[in-house]
Amino acid sequence: MPSSDLAIPFFGYKSHVSIDRKYRFIRKWKTTHAAASDGARLREGLLDKTNTASTVWADTAYRSKANEDFMEEQGFVSKVHRKKPHLKPMPRHLQKSNAGKSVIRSRVEHVFADQKSQMGLFVRTVGITRATMRIGLANIVYNMRRFLFLERISANA
């Protein structure tokens, strides 16, 4: 009998989140497959009109003419990173602007780092429905842990 290899499908997924800048709670989220464009998610309900802040802090994947127009129409202020010009060095003023934006935007990366390191989130499922459920539950757990952390801080103060 010839040997045969068992093919195990591996699918990648992305979690797109919108967080509260002050308390770092996840307010809205969306799960997509890994090949999906990041920029289009911004217009699919990821922004929260009930949030008291109107600024949008995001990386260069979310910068497009359509997104900039959408944010302006919806009353949001864009603080999306600028892309480096193709085959040219990035101008100094854009470097400084992006560095200032990174200070705020990094708060979202802390959410993902917490989910990966503290909660051990590793999504290995077949199907977007299962991945969405797993990521959604991780987001709920993150918010509960964040709430308990903030309660502990306020009780000690």
Protein backbone atom coordinates (compact mmCIF):
# COMPACT_ATOMS: atom_id res chain seq x y z
CA MET A 1 0.00 0.00 0.00
CA PRO A 2 1.39 3.42 -0.86
CA SER A 3 1.52 5.83 2.03
CA SER A 4 -0.90 8.71 1.99
CA ASP A 5 -0.77 12.04 3.73
CA LEU A 6 -3.79 13.37 5.50
CA ALA A 7 -4.49 16.92 4.35
CA ILE A 8 -5.58 19.11 7.23
CA PRO A 9 -7.10 22.38 6.05
CA PHE A 10 -5.78 25.46 7.79
CA PHE A 11 -7.69 28.70 7.51
CA GLY A 12 -6.67 32.11 8.76
CA TYR A 13 -8.94 34.74 10.21
CA LYS A 14 -8.63 38.38 11.20
CA SER A 15 -10.25 40.20 14.06
CA HIS A 16 -11.06 43.86 13.45
CA VAL A 17 -11.96 45.80 16.59
CA SER A 18 -13.07 49.26 17.58
CA ILE A 19 -12.09 50.16 21.14
CA ASP A 20 -12.87 52.93 23.56
CA ARG A 21 -9.78 55.13 23.73
CA LYS A 22 -10.08 55.96 27.43
CA TYR A 23 -11.06 52.62 29.00
CA ARG A 24 -9.95 50.27 26.18
CA PHE A 25 -13.17 48.28 26.02
CA ILE A 26 -13.96 46.57 22.73
CA ARG A 27 -17.03 48.40 21.44
CA LYS A 28 -17.49 46.77 18.03
CA TRP A 29 -15.75 43.95 16.21
CA LYS A 30 -15.82 41.97 13.01
CA THR A 31 -14.22 38.70 11.93
CA THR A 32 -13.09 38.11 8.37
CA HIS A 33 -10.99 35.58 6.53
CA ALA A 34 -7.31 36.47 6.33
CA ALA A 35 -7.38 37.40 2.65
CA ALA A 36 -10.06 40.07 3.12
CA SER A 37 -9.00 43.66 2.69
CA ASP A 38 -8.75 45.58 5.97
CA GLY A 39 -9.88 48.90 4.54
CA ALA A 40 -13.37 47.82 3.55
CA ARG A 41 -14.21 46.76 7.14
CA LEU A 42 -14.24 50.36 8.28
CA ARG A 43 -17.39 51.05 6.29
CA GLU A 44 -19.12 47.85 7.46
CA GLY A 45 -20.26 49.08 10.87
CA LEU A 46 -16.94 48.98 12.70
CA LEU A 47 -17.14 52.65 13.70
CA ASP A 48 -19.39 53.54 16.62
CA LYS A 49 -21.50 56.71 16.44
CA THR A 50 -22.39 56.42 20.14
CA ASN A 51 -18.74 56.70 21.15
CA THR A 52 -18.04 60.11 22.65
CA ALA A 53 -14.80 60.49 20.69
CA SER A 54 -15.06 61.20 16.98
CA THR A 55 -11.47 60.45 16.00
CA VAL A 56 -10.51 57.29 14.15
CA TRP A 57 -6.99 55.96 14.77
CA ALA A 58 -5.96 53.20 12.37
CA ASP A 59 -2.99 51.86 10.44
CA THR A 60 -2.27 52.40 6.76
CA ALA A 61 -4.39 49.44 5.65
CA TYR A 62 -7.49 51.50 6.46
CA ARG A 63 -6.45 54.58 4.44
CA SER A 64 -8.30 54.97 1.18
CA LYS A 65 -10.25 57.70 -0.57
CA ALA A 66 -13.50 55.81 0.06
CA ASN A 67 -12.77 55.50 3.80
CA GLU A 68 -11.70 59.13 4.13
CA ASP A 69 -14.92 60.26 2.39
CA PHE A 70 -17.00 57.90 4.55
CA MET A 71 -15.47 59.20 7.78
CA GLU A 72 -16.03 62.80 6.73
CA GLU A 73 -19.69 62.11 5.83
CA GLN A 74 -20.28 60.33 9.15
CA GLY A 75 -18.66 63.10 11.21
CA PHE A 76 -15.49 61.25 12.18
CA VAL A 77 -12.03 62.82 12.25
CA SER A 78 -9.42 60.72 10.46
CA LYS A 79 -6.14 60.01 12.26
CA VAL A 80 -5.26 57.13 9.94
CA HIS A 81 -1.56 56.56 9.26
CA ARG A 82 -0.12 57.81 6.00
CA LYS A 83 1.56 55.40 3.61
CA LYS A 84 5.19 55.72 2.59
CA PRO A 85 5.55 56.98 -0.99
CA HIS A 86 6.50 54.20 -3.38
CA LEU A 87 10.28 53.94 -3.93
CA LYS A 88 10.90 57.16 -2.01
CA PRO A 89 11.90 57.90 1.56
CA MET A 90 9.08 58.97 3.83
CA PRO A 91 9.06 62.74 4.40
CA ARG A 92 10.06 63.81 7.91
CA HIS A 93 6.72 65.50 8.67
CA LEU A 94 4.84 62.28 7.80
CA GLN A 95 7.20 60.26 10.01
CA LYS A 96 6.48 62.57 12.95
CA SER A 97 2.74 62.51 12.25
CA ASN A 98 2.65 58.70 12.09
CA ALA A 99 4.75 58.42 15.27
CA GLY A 100 2.25 60.59 17.17
CA LYS A 101 -0.66 58.53 15.83
CA SER A 102 1.07 55.28 16.82
CA VAL A 103 0.98 56.24 20.51
CA ILE A 104 -2.82 56.11 20.47
CA ARG A 105 -3.22 53.35 17.88
CA SER A 106 -0.99 50.99 19.84
CA ARG A 107 -3.77 50.61 22.41
CA VAL A 108 -5.60 48.37 19.96
CA GLU A 109 -2.47 46.26 19.53
CA HIS A 110 -2.39 45.81 23.31
CA VAL A 111 -5.87 44.28 23.12
CA PHE A 112 -4.67 41.72 20.56
CA ALA A 113 -1.50 41.02 22.56
CA ASP A 114 -3.55 40.41 25.71
CA GLN A 115 -5.86 38.03 23.89
CA LYS A 116 -2.94 36.11 22.45
CA SER A 117 -0.66 35.94 25.48
CA GLN A 118 -2.94 36.04 28.53
CA MET A 119 -5.95 34.24 27.10
CA GLY A 120 -4.05 31.97 24.72
CA LEU A 121 -6.32 32.84 21.80
CA PHE A 122 -5.43 30.74 18.81
CA VAL A 123 -8.13 30.30 16.21
CA ARG A 124 -7.86 27.05 14.32
CA THR A 125 -11.34 26.35 13.06
CA VAL A 126 -12.90 25.47 9.76
CA GLY A 127 -15.55 27.97 8.80
CA ILE A 128 -16.04 31.67 9.40
CA THR A 129 -19.03 31.02 11.70
CA ARG A 130 -16.95 29.07 14.21
CA ALA A 131 -14.10 31.57 14.00
CA THR A 132 -16.53 34.44 14.57
CA MET A 133 -17.93 32.71 17.64
CA ARG A 134 -14.50 31.97 19.09
CA ILE A 135 -13.20 35.50 18.50
CA GLY A 136 -16.46 36.99 19.80
CA LEU A 137 -16.23 35.01 23.02
CA ALA A 138 -12.60 36.08 23.41
CA ASN A 139 -13.69 39.71 23.00
CA ILE A 140 -16.37 39.31 25.68
CA VAL A 141 -13.88 37.71 28.05
CA TYR A 142 -11.40 40.50 27.35
CA ASN A 143 -14.03 43.14 28.21
CA MET A 144 -14.96 41.35 31.43
CA ARG A 145 -11.31 41.07 32.48
CA ARG A 146 -10.75 44.73 31.60
CA PHE A 147 -13.81 45.75 33.63
CA LEU A 148 -12.61 43.81 36.68
CA PHE A 149 -9.16 45.39 36.32
CA LEU A 150 -10.64 48.90 36.21
CA GLU A 151 -12.89 48.10 39.21
CA ARG A 152 -9.83 46.95 41.19
CA ILE A 153 -7.97 50.13 40.34
CA SER A 154 -10.87 52.38 41.36
CA ALA A 155 -11.37 50.43 44.62
CA ASN A 156 -7.70 50.96 45.55
CA ALA A 157 -7.78 54.66 44.72
